[in-house]
Protein backbone atom coordinates (compact mmCIF):
# COMPACT_ATOMS: atom_id res chain seq x y z
CA MET A 1 31.61 -28.91 -4.61
CA LEU A 2 32.53 -25.46 -3.30
CA ARG A 3 30.82 -24.45 -0.06
CA VAL A 4 30.50 -20.72 0.57
CA ALA A 5 29.00 -18.88 3.53
CA VAL A 6 27.58 -15.40 2.97
CA VAL A 7 27.18 -13.48 6.23
CA GLY A 8 24.27 -11.06 5.87
CA SER A 9 20.99 -11.45 3.97
CA GLY A 10 20.46 -7.87 2.85
CA PRO A 11 20.77 -6.91 -0.83
CA SER A 12 24.57 -7.20 -0.90
CA GLY A 13 24.47 -10.68 0.62
CA VAL A 14 21.64 -11.91 -1.59
CA TYR A 15 23.24 -10.51 -4.75
CA THR A 16 26.51 -12.20 -3.78
CA ALA A 17 24.72 -15.52 -3.36
CA GLN A 18 22.95 -14.99 -6.69
CA CYS A 19 26.22 -14.31 -8.51
CA LEU A 20 27.73 -17.46 -7.03
CA VAL A 21 24.98 -19.82 -8.14
CA GLN A 22 24.44 -18.23 -11.56
CA GLN A 23 28.08 -18.28 -12.71
CA SER A 24 29.40 -21.14 -14.86
CA ARG A 25 33.14 -21.00 -14.12
CA VAL A 26 32.93 -23.24 -11.04
CA PRO A 27 30.24 -25.95 -11.08
CA ASP A 28 28.16 -26.96 -8.07
CA VAL A 29 28.65 -24.04 -5.69
CA ARG A 30 26.53 -24.35 -2.54
CA VAL A 31 25.78 -21.18 -0.58
CA ASP A 32 24.55 -20.77 2.98
CA VAL A 33 23.29 -17.23 3.69
CA LEU A 34 23.65 -16.52 7.42
CA ASP A 35 22.00 -13.69 9.29
CA ARG A 36 22.00 -12.59 12.93
CA LEU A 37 18.26 -11.97 12.70
CA PRO A 38 15.70 -14.72 12.11
CA CYS A 39 14.37 -12.68 9.17
CA PRO A 40 16.03 -12.06 5.79
CA TYR A 41 16.35 -8.95 3.57
CA GLY A 42 18.35 -6.63 5.87
CA LEU A 43 17.60 -2.94 5.34
CA VAL A 44 14.90 -3.75 2.78
CA ARG A 45 12.85 -5.12 5.70
CA TYR A 46 14.24 -2.94 8.48
CA GLY A 47 15.33 0.27 6.74
CA VAL A 48 12.93 1.07 3.91
CA ALA A 49 10.09 3.28 5.10
CA PRO A 50 6.78 1.39 5.52
CA ASP A 51 4.95 3.73 3.12
CA HIS A 52 7.43 2.96 0.31
CA GLU A 53 5.69 -0.17 -0.90
CA LYS A 54 7.37 -0.16 -4.32
CA ILE A 55 10.87 -0.31 -2.83
CA LYS A 56 9.77 -2.82 -0.19
CA SER A 57 8.49 -5.05 -3.01
CA LEU A 58 12.17 -5.73 -3.77
CA GLN A 59 11.75 -8.43 -1.13
CA ASN A 60 9.99 -10.49 -3.79
CA SER A 61 13.08 -10.65 -6.02
CA LEU A 62 15.34 -11.29 -3.02
CA ARG A 63 12.97 -14.11 -2.01
CA THR A 64 13.36 -15.74 -5.42
CA VAL A 65 17.13 -15.85 -4.96
CA LEU A 66 16.96 -17.26 -1.43
CA GLU A 67 14.61 -20.02 -2.61
CA HIS A 68 17.20 -21.27 -5.13
CA GLU A 69 17.88 -24.97 -4.70
CA ARG A 70 21.60 -24.39 -3.99
CA ILE A 71 21.06 -21.56 -1.49
CA THR A 72 20.13 -22.14 2.16
CA PHE A 73 18.97 -19.36 4.48
CA LEU A 74 20.13 -19.67 8.09
CA GLY A 75 18.77 -16.95 10.36
CA ASN A 76 19.42 -16.47 14.09
CA VAL A 77 23.13 -17.14 13.55
CA GLN A 78 25.39 -14.42 14.94
CA VAL A 79 28.94 -14.26 13.64
CA GLY A 80 31.42 -12.38 15.80
CA GLY A 81 30.81 -10.77 19.17
CA ASP A 82 29.00 -13.23 21.44
CA GLY A 83 28.34 -15.51 18.49
CA LEU A 84 30.43 -17.69 16.24
CA PRO A 85 34.01 -16.44 15.77
CA PRO A 86 35.03 -15.94 12.12
CA ASP A 87 37.83 -18.53 12.45
CA ARG A 88 35.31 -21.17 13.57
CA LEU A 89 33.05 -20.29 10.64
CA SER A 90 36.00 -20.71 8.28
CA GLU A 91 36.33 -24.31 9.48
CA LEU A 92 32.93 -25.10 7.94
CA TYR A 93 33.26 -23.49 4.49
CA HIS A 94 35.77 -23.17 1.69
CA ALA A 95 35.11 -19.43 1.64
CA VAL A 96 33.20 -16.83 3.66
CA VAL A 97 31.88 -13.54 2.25
CA TYR A 98 31.02 -10.90 4.87
CA CYS A 99 28.13 -8.63 3.84
CA VAL A 100 27.37 -7.18 7.26
CA GLY A 101 26.67 -3.60 6.16
CA ALA A 102 27.10 -0.48 8.26
CA ALA A 103 25.32 -1.21 11.51
CA THR A 104 25.55 2.11 13.33
CA ASP A 105 25.19 5.82 12.68
CA ARG A 106 27.65 8.68 12.58
CA GLY A 107 27.62 11.02 15.55
CA LEU A 108 27.59 14.81 15.54
CA GLY A 109 30.42 15.22 18.02
CA VAL A 110 28.76 18.20 19.75
CA PRO A 111 27.91 18.93 23.42
CA GLY A 112 24.52 17.61 24.50
CA GLU A 113 24.35 14.87 21.91
CA ASP A 114 23.73 12.25 24.61
CA LEU A 115 20.84 14.09 26.29
CA PRO A 116 17.53 12.24 26.68
CA GLY A 117 15.46 13.08 23.62
CA SER A 118 18.47 12.97 21.30
CA HIS A 119 18.56 9.89 19.06
CA SER A 120 19.97 8.69 15.79
CA ALA A 121 17.64 8.41 12.84
CA THR A 122 18.75 4.77 12.76
CA GLU A 123 17.09 4.21 16.13
CA PHE A 124 13.90 5.91 14.97
CA VAL A 125 13.80 3.93 11.72
CA SER A 126 14.40 0.68 13.62
CA TRP A 127 11.50 1.56 15.94
CA TYR A 128 8.92 2.14 13.22
CA SER A 129 10.33 -0.78 11.18
CA ALA A 130 9.91 -3.25 14.11
CA HIS A 131 13.59 -4.15 14.40
CA PRO A 132 13.78 -6.58 17.34
CA ASP A 133 16.75 -4.72 18.85
CA SER A 134 14.74 -1.49 19.11
CA ALA A 135 13.65 -0.29 22.54
CA ALA A 136 9.87 -0.48 22.67
CA ASP A 137 9.16 2.87 24.34
CA ASN A 138 11.90 5.18 23.03
CA PHE A 139 9.56 7.37 21.02
CA ALA A 140 6.40 8.43 22.80
CA LEU A 141 6.32 11.51 20.50
CA ARG A 142 5.19 13.91 23.18
CA ALA A 143 7.38 16.53 21.52
CA ARG A 144 5.69 19.36 19.66
CA SER A 145 8.84 20.35 17.76
CA VAL A 146 11.37 17.95 16.23
CA VAL A 147 14.72 18.77 14.62
CA VAL A 148 16.04 16.29 12.05
CA ILE A 149 19.72 16.96 11.35
CA GLY A 150 20.63 15.94 7.82
CA VAL A 151 19.31 16.42 4.30
CA GLY A 152 19.54 12.94 2.80
CA ASN A 153 16.86 10.38 1.99
CA VAL A 154 16.89 8.96 5.53
CA ALA A 155 16.21 12.44 6.92
CA VAL A 156 13.35 12.86 4.44
CA ASP A 157 11.92 9.47 5.42
CA VAL A 158 12.01 10.39 9.09
CA ALA A 159 10.38 13.78 8.48
CA ARG A 160 7.69 12.20 6.33
CA ILE A 161 6.79 9.53 8.89
CA LEU A 162 6.60 12.19 11.60
CA ALA A 163 4.26 14.25 9.41
CA ARG A 164 1.95 11.40 8.42
CA SER A 165 -1.18 10.54 10.35
CA ALA A 166 -1.64 7.14 11.93
CA GLU A 167 -4.54 6.47 9.55
CA GLU A 168 -2.24 6.97 6.58
CA LEU A 169 0.19 4.42 8.04
CA ARG A 170 -2.43 1.93 9.19
CA PRO A 171 -2.42 -0.01 5.87
CA THR A 172 1.35 -0.53 6.14
CA ASP A 173 3.27 -3.09 8.22
CA VAL A 174 4.22 -0.59 10.95
CA PRO A 175 4.20 -2.50 14.27
CA HIS A 176 1.06 -1.88 16.29
CA PRO A 177 2.77 -0.24 19.32
CA ALA A 178 4.50 2.26 17.02
CA LEU A 179 1.23 2.95 15.21
CA GLY A 180 -0.41 3.69 18.56
CA ALA A 181 2.39 6.08 19.51
CA LEU A 182 2.12 7.84 16.16
CA ALA A 183 -1.65 8.15 16.65
CA GLY A 184 -1.00 10.01 19.90
CA SER A 185 1.77 12.16 18.44
CA ARG A 186 1.81 15.83 19.47
CA VAL A 187 4.39 16.76 16.82
CA ARG A 188 3.40 19.92 14.97
CA GLU A 189 6.72 21.27 13.69
CA VAL A 190 9.45 19.29 11.93
CA HIS A 191 12.67 21.15 11.12
CA MET A 192 15.06 19.39 8.72
CA ALA A 193 18.44 21.14 8.66
CA GLY A 194 21.64 20.72 6.65
CA ARG A 195 24.98 22.47 6.99
CA ARG A 196 25.35 22.98 3.25
CA GLY A 197 23.13 24.41 0.54
CA PRO A 198 20.30 22.81 -1.43
CA SER A 199 22.54 21.96 -4.39
CA GLN A 200 24.60 19.68 -2.11
CA ALA A 201 21.69 17.96 -0.37
CA ARG A 202 21.71 14.18 -0.71
CA PHE A 203 17.99 13.53 -1.07
CA THR A 204 16.56 12.39 -4.39
CA THR A 205 13.92 14.43 -6.18
CA LYS A 206 11.29 11.73 -5.81
CA GLU A 207 11.76 11.61 -2.04
CA LEU A 208 11.73 15.40 -1.82
CA ARG A 209 8.50 15.78 -3.81
CA GLU A 210 6.74 13.31 -1.53
CA LEU A 211 6.96 15.82 1.30
CA GLY A 212 4.85 18.24 -0.71
CA GLY A 213 2.18 15.60 -1.27
CA LEU A 214 1.43 14.82 2.37
CA PRO A 215 -2.25 15.58 3.01
CA GLY A 216 -1.82 16.88 6.56
CA ALA A 217 1.40 18.82 6.19
CA ARG A 218 2.74 21.99 4.64
CA VAL A 219 6.35 22.45 3.50
CA VAL A 220 8.03 25.79 4.22
CA VAL A 221 11.31 26.84 2.59
CA ASP A 222 13.22 30.05 3.34
CA ARG A 223 13.84 31.82 0.05
CA ALA A 224 16.77 33.75 1.54
CA GLU A 225 18.53 30.51 2.49
CA LEU A 226 18.13 29.16 -1.03
CA ALA A 227 19.54 32.38 -2.47
CA ARG A 228 22.75 31.92 -0.45
CA ASP A 229 23.59 28.96 -2.68
CA PRO A 230 25.22 30.17 -5.94
CA ALA A 231 23.72 27.13 -7.62
CA TYR A 232 20.21 28.42 -6.83
CA VAL A 233 20.77 31.25 -9.32
CA SER A 234 22.63 29.12 -11.84
CA ALA A 235 19.83 26.54 -11.77
CA GLY A 236 17.75 29.03 -13.74
CA ALA A 237 20.56 29.85 -16.16
CA PRO A 238 20.46 28.86 -19.86
CA SER A 239 21.65 25.35 -20.73
CA ASP A 240 24.86 26.77 -22.25
CA SER A 241 25.76 28.61 -19.04
CA PRO A 242 29.33 27.95 -17.84
CA VAL A 243 27.90 26.99 -14.41
CA GLN A 244 26.22 23.62 -14.76
CA LEU A 245 24.58 21.51 -12.06
CA PRO A 246 24.07 17.76 -11.84
CA ALA A 247 20.58 16.90 -13.06
CA VAL A 248 19.33 15.78 -9.65
CA ALA A 249 20.51 19.02 -7.99
CA ARG A 250 18.78 21.09 -10.66
CA ARG A 251 15.52 19.19 -10.21
CA ASN A 252 15.73 19.49 -6.42
CA ILE A 253 16.25 23.24 -6.64
CA GLU A 254 13.27 23.56 -8.98
CA VAL A 255 11.09 21.81 -6.39
CA LEU A 256 12.43 23.94 -3.55
CA ARG A 257 12.03 27.13 -5.59
CA GLY A 258 8.38 26.30 -6.17
CA TRP A 259 7.76 25.88 -2.46
CA ALA A 260 9.71 29.01 -1.54
CA GLU A 261 7.83 31.17 -4.03
CA ALA A 262 4.37 29.91 -3.05
CA ASP A 263 2.87 33.06 -1.51
CA VAL A 264 -0.34 31.41 -0.31
CA PRO A 265 -0.90 28.00 1.29
CA ALA A 266 -2.69 25.36 -0.68
CA ALA A 267 -6.46 25.31 -0.53
CA GLY A 268 -8.15 22.86 1.79
CA PRO A 269 -8.03 22.10 5.50
CA ALA A 270 -5.33 23.80 7.52
CA PRO A 271 -2.24 21.56 7.81
CA VAL A 272 -1.77 19.66 11.04
CA ARG A 273 2.03 19.78 10.74
CA THR A 274 4.60 22.04 9.16
CA ILE A 275 7.87 20.78 7.68
CA HIS A 276 10.61 23.42 7.58
CA LEU A 277 13.49 22.72 5.17
CA ARG A 278 16.55 24.63 6.38
CA PHE A 279 20.01 25.04 4.85
CA PHE A 280 23.41 26.48 5.81
CA LEU A 281 22.95 25.53 9.47
CA ARG A 282 25.70 23.56 11.25
CA PRO A 283 24.77 22.05 14.65
CA VAL A 284 27.19 23.12 17.40
CA GLU A 285 25.28 22.19 20.56
CA LEU A 286 22.15 20.43 21.75
CA LEU A 287 20.45 22.56 24.38
CA GLU A 288 19.18 21.23 27.70
CA ARG A 289 16.26 22.05 29.95
CA ASN A 290 15.27 19.99 33.02
CA GLY A 291 17.60 17.20 32.01
CA GLN A 292 16.07 16.81 28.53
CA VAL A 293 16.96 18.06 25.09
CA ALA A 294 15.30 21.43 24.52
CA GLY A 295 16.66 22.55 21.18
CA VAL A 296 19.64 22.84 18.86
CA ARG A 297 22.08 25.70 18.53
CA PHE A 298 23.29 26.12 14.95
CA ALA A 299 26.14 28.12 13.47
CA ARG A 300 25.09 29.92 10.30
CA THR A 301 27.31 28.86 7.40
CA ALA A 302 27.94 30.23 3.93
CA PRO A 303 29.44 28.84 0.70
CA ASP A 304 33.21 28.93 0.51
CA GLY A 305 34.43 27.64 -2.80
CA GLY A 306 33.55 23.97 -2.81
CA GLY A 307 32.84 23.89 0.92
CA ILE A 308 31.34 26.05 3.65
CA LYS A 309 32.54 28.48 6.31
CA ASP A 310 31.02 29.78 9.53
CA THR A 311 29.71 33.32 9.36
CA GLY A 312 29.87 34.07 13.08
CA ALA A 313 26.08 34.14 13.38
CA TYR A 314 24.05 31.61 15.36
CA GLU A 315 20.45 30.42 15.50
CA GLU A 316 18.56 28.30 18.01
CA ILE A 317 15.60 26.08 17.17
CA ASP A 318 13.41 24.76 19.99
CA ALA A 319 12.90 21.01 19.95
CA GLN A 320 11.94 18.30 22.41
CA LEU A 321 13.18 15.56 20.08
CA VAL A 322 16.35 15.62 17.94
CA LEU A 323 17.11 12.96 15.35
CA ARG A 324 20.48 12.92 13.61
CA ALA A 325 20.59 11.52 10.08
CA VAL A 326 24.16 12.24 9.03
CA GLY A 327 25.15 8.84 7.68
CA TYR A 328 25.82 5.22 8.59
CA ARG A 329 29.07 3.70 9.75
CA GLY A 330 30.44 0.17 9.76
CA LEU A 331 31.37 -1.59 13.00
CA PRO A 332 34.38 -3.85 13.55
CA LEU A 333 33.60 -7.55 13.48
CA PRO A 334 35.77 -9.27 16.12
CA GLY A 335 38.17 -11.56 14.34
CA LEU A 336 38.35 -9.49 11.14
CA PRO A 337 40.69 -6.58 10.36
CA PHE A 338 39.05 -3.14 10.39
CA ASP A 339 39.89 0.33 9.16
CA PRO A 340 38.42 2.68 11.80
CA ALA A 341 38.96 5.77 9.67
CA ARG A 342 36.79 4.43 6.84
CA GLY A 343 34.55 2.14 8.85
CA THR A 344 35.29 -0.74 6.47
CA VAL A 345 37.24 -4.00 6.26
CA PRO A 346 40.48 -3.54 4.29
CA HIS A 347 40.27 -5.41 1.00
CA LEU A 348 41.61 -5.81 -2.51
CA ALA A 349 38.80 -6.30 -5.03
CA GLY A 350 36.77 -7.91 -2.23
CA ARG A 351 39.59 -10.07 -0.81
CA VAL A 352 40.08 -9.36 2.91
CA LEU A 353 43.55 -7.99 3.63
CA ARG A 354 45.38 -9.00 6.79
CA ASP A 355 48.51 -6.91 7.27
CA GLY A 356 48.19 -5.86 3.65
CA VAL A 357 48.10 -9.43 2.32
CA PRO A 358 44.96 -11.18 0.94
CA SER A 359 43.59 -13.71 3.42
CA PRO A 360 42.63 -16.95 1.61
CA GLY A 361 38.93 -17.70 1.84
CA GLU A 362 37.82 -14.36 3.37
CA TYR A 363 35.91 -11.77 1.33
CA VAL A 364 33.69 -8.72 1.77
CA ALA A 365 30.90 -7.09 -0.23
CA GLY A 366 28.46 -4.22 0.30
CA TRP A 367 28.83 -1.34 2.72
CA ILE A 368 31.39 -3.08 4.95
CA LYS A 369 33.54 -3.25 1.81
CA ARG A 370 33.04 0.17 0.20
CA GLY A 371 31.36 2.29 2.90
CA PRO A 372 27.70 3.40 3.07
CA THR A 373 27.44 4.77 -0.46
CA GLY A 374 25.22 4.23 -3.46
CA VAL A 375 21.71 2.89 -3.80
CA ILE A 376 20.40 -0.67 -3.43
CA GLY A 377 21.34 -1.48 -7.03
CA SER A 378 24.96 -0.47 -6.38
CA ASN A 379 25.36 -3.73 -4.48
CA ARG A 380 25.09 -5.75 -7.69
CA SER A 381 28.33 -4.54 -9.24
CA CYS A 382 30.02 -4.65 -5.84
CA ALA A 383 28.98 -8.29 -5.40
CA LYS A 384 30.12 -9.19 -8.93
CA GLU A 385 33.61 -7.87 -8.25
CA THR A 386 33.92 -9.85 -5.03
CA VAL A 387 32.57 -13.05 -6.58
CA ALA A 388 34.99 -12.69 -9.50
CA SER A 389 37.87 -12.59 -7.00
CA LEU A 390 36.48 -15.63 -5.16
CA LEU A 391 36.14 -17.59 -8.39
CA ASP A 392 39.70 -16.71 -9.39
CA ASP A 393 40.78 -18.20 -6.05
CA ALA A 394 38.56 -21.28 -6.40
CA PRO A 395 41.35 -23.78 -7.30
CA LEU A 396 43.13 -22.87 -4.06
CA LEU A 397 39.93 -22.76 -2.00
CA ALA A 398 38.73 -26.17 -3.16
CA GLY A 399 41.74 -27.75 -1.46
CA ARG A 400 40.73 -26.37 1.94
CA PRO A 401 38.74 -28.54 4.37
CA ALA A 402 34.99 -27.88 4.71
CA ALA A 403 32.21 -29.51 6.72
CA PRO A 404 30.00 -31.94 4.81
CA ASP A 405 26.96 -30.59 6.71
CA PRO A 406 27.56 -27.07 8.09
CA VAL A 407 24.03 -26.80 9.51
CA ALA A 408 24.53 -29.92 11.62
CA ALA A 409 27.85 -28.49 12.82
CA LEU A 410 26.20 -25.20 13.81
CA ARG A 411 23.56 -27.08 15.79
CA ALA A 412 26.25 -29.21 17.44
CA TRP A 413 27.92 -25.97 18.57
CA GLY A 414 24.71 -24.93 20.31
CA LEU A 415 23.27 -22.59 17.69
CA GLN A 416 19.62 -22.80 16.64
CA PRO A 417 19.43 -21.63 13.03
CA VAL A 418 16.09 -20.49 11.65
CA GLU A 419 15.83 -22.04 8.21
CA TRP A 420 13.57 -20.94 5.36
CA GLY A 421 10.59 -22.84 6.73
CA GLY A 422 10.97 -20.95 10.00
CA TRP A 423 10.96 -17.64 8.15
CA GLN A 424 7.79 -18.69 6.34
CA SER A 425 6.24 -19.43 9.74
CA ILE A 426 7.11 -15.86 10.81
CA GLU A 427 5.42 -14.54 7.68
CA ARG A 428 2.26 -16.50 8.47
CA ALA A 429 2.29 -15.29 12.07
CA GLU A 430 2.62 -11.66 10.92
CA ALA A 431 -0.26 -12.10 8.50
CA ALA A 432 -2.38 -13.58 11.30
CA LEU A 433 -1.40 -10.74 13.64
CA GLY A 434 -2.48 -8.17 11.10
CA GLN A 435 -5.78 -9.93 10.51
CA SER A 436 -6.49 -9.99 14.26
CA LEU A 437 -5.93 -6.21 14.36
CA GLY A 438 -8.06 -5.50 11.32
CA ARG A 439 -4.99 -4.56 9.30
CA GLY A 440 -2.83 -6.09 6.60
CA ARG A 441 0.35 -7.90 7.53
CA VAL A 442 1.91 -6.41 10.70
CA LYS A 443 5.50 -7.01 11.75
CA ILE A 444 6.34 -8.80 14.99
CA PRO A 445 8.62 -6.32 16.81
CA ASP A 446 10.47 -8.44 19.39
CA TRP A 447 12.94 -11.32 19.51
CA ALA A 448 10.75 -13.57 21.63
CA GLY A 449 7.79 -13.19 19.29
CA LEU A 450 9.88 -13.80 16.16
CA LEU A 451 11.55 -16.93 17.52
CA GLU A 452 8.29 -18.31 18.86
CA ALA A 453 6.73 -17.82 15.44
CA ALA A 454 9.75 -19.33 13.69
CA HIS A 455 9.53 -22.52 15.72
CA SER A 456 5.73 -22.78 15.71
CA ASP A 457 5.86 -25.35 12.93
CA ARG A 458 7.64 -27.75 15.30
CA ARG A 459 4.72 -27.90 17.68
């Protein structure tokens, strides 16, 4: 028997576990999937927007994997930091695969970034996704104008949630305190700004189009800003034109062109909120008034070959809330090597490298391996590569000592793992909470509530 621990129960961790139990090269592999949180699914539970039910339904396929007879889910087990050191974990298993993702956001590196009212999009997403680490009252949404810095799918998600009404979000699993705050929102203007042009924006066409379908919002695009992008003109060129765009960029520009050329607003009630899509604006400073963020000062940029250059012009946008959505970044896990420049663990085909040499029994997969790139499905091929390396090493790994009962060892060390039955108790508690509020299932947003629900079956 080969015992493997997978640290992290998001898509990369679950796909790694799936690869391990479905392969036929090494018989009888047993996998324990550990997570710091008492709940599985990682960013599928705590990162996918609540109104994206189709993507959130991926939890069903992840559930099927975690219910496999040779896979055990162990939540509420922190590895590294104040939790279990990696070297202690290695005493229990023949191999450990770290799938801990990219847990923080990239900063802007500009003056004023730490002002009250300036937050990462990660914090905002965690708040409306009921992550138990989220501060309960960070987002009272008293702001009338919000600037979202970034033009990727996370930025679009944030802008869309800000522009939706509470009634639209009521059928989702948004935690009740966040729903109440959104119901009292005073936000009327949402400005989403990127330093490059529309052809280089990272959002997908589906996400972009959703903004135009919001019943209480109107999307405004500056035609002059679009025209600064050479690709805006080439997007309308014949298919045999020497200037060709990736398909997604061409589709995005077609959507933006339609909005920019709409001379009259759509018929119907006047929009409650306006979403401004802005391009060629690089943030250089967050402005302050009375100790709070009051706006963003941008440098106007222009295309410069494959990049951008500053033009010497500046623009200020008033805002009482600024959310940066410029990418995720991995954090070092105490006890593991770390490349601070890339925000990843050094590896060779998934094998952790210590001083340039593969470390027997230590592996990585997902964002902590390759950086925060790709879509959810990208984790499959990433996991397959890592598992292939682990299986190649299996004859060596099988000779290492491993605990006959790792769960008992974890409990003996003072940890209190939440097993699959505990997670099912949380699900029942969230369903009951939603029913008591006249809603569907509603997430429990705090550690105490989650752990109390997890252990309710013991009473």
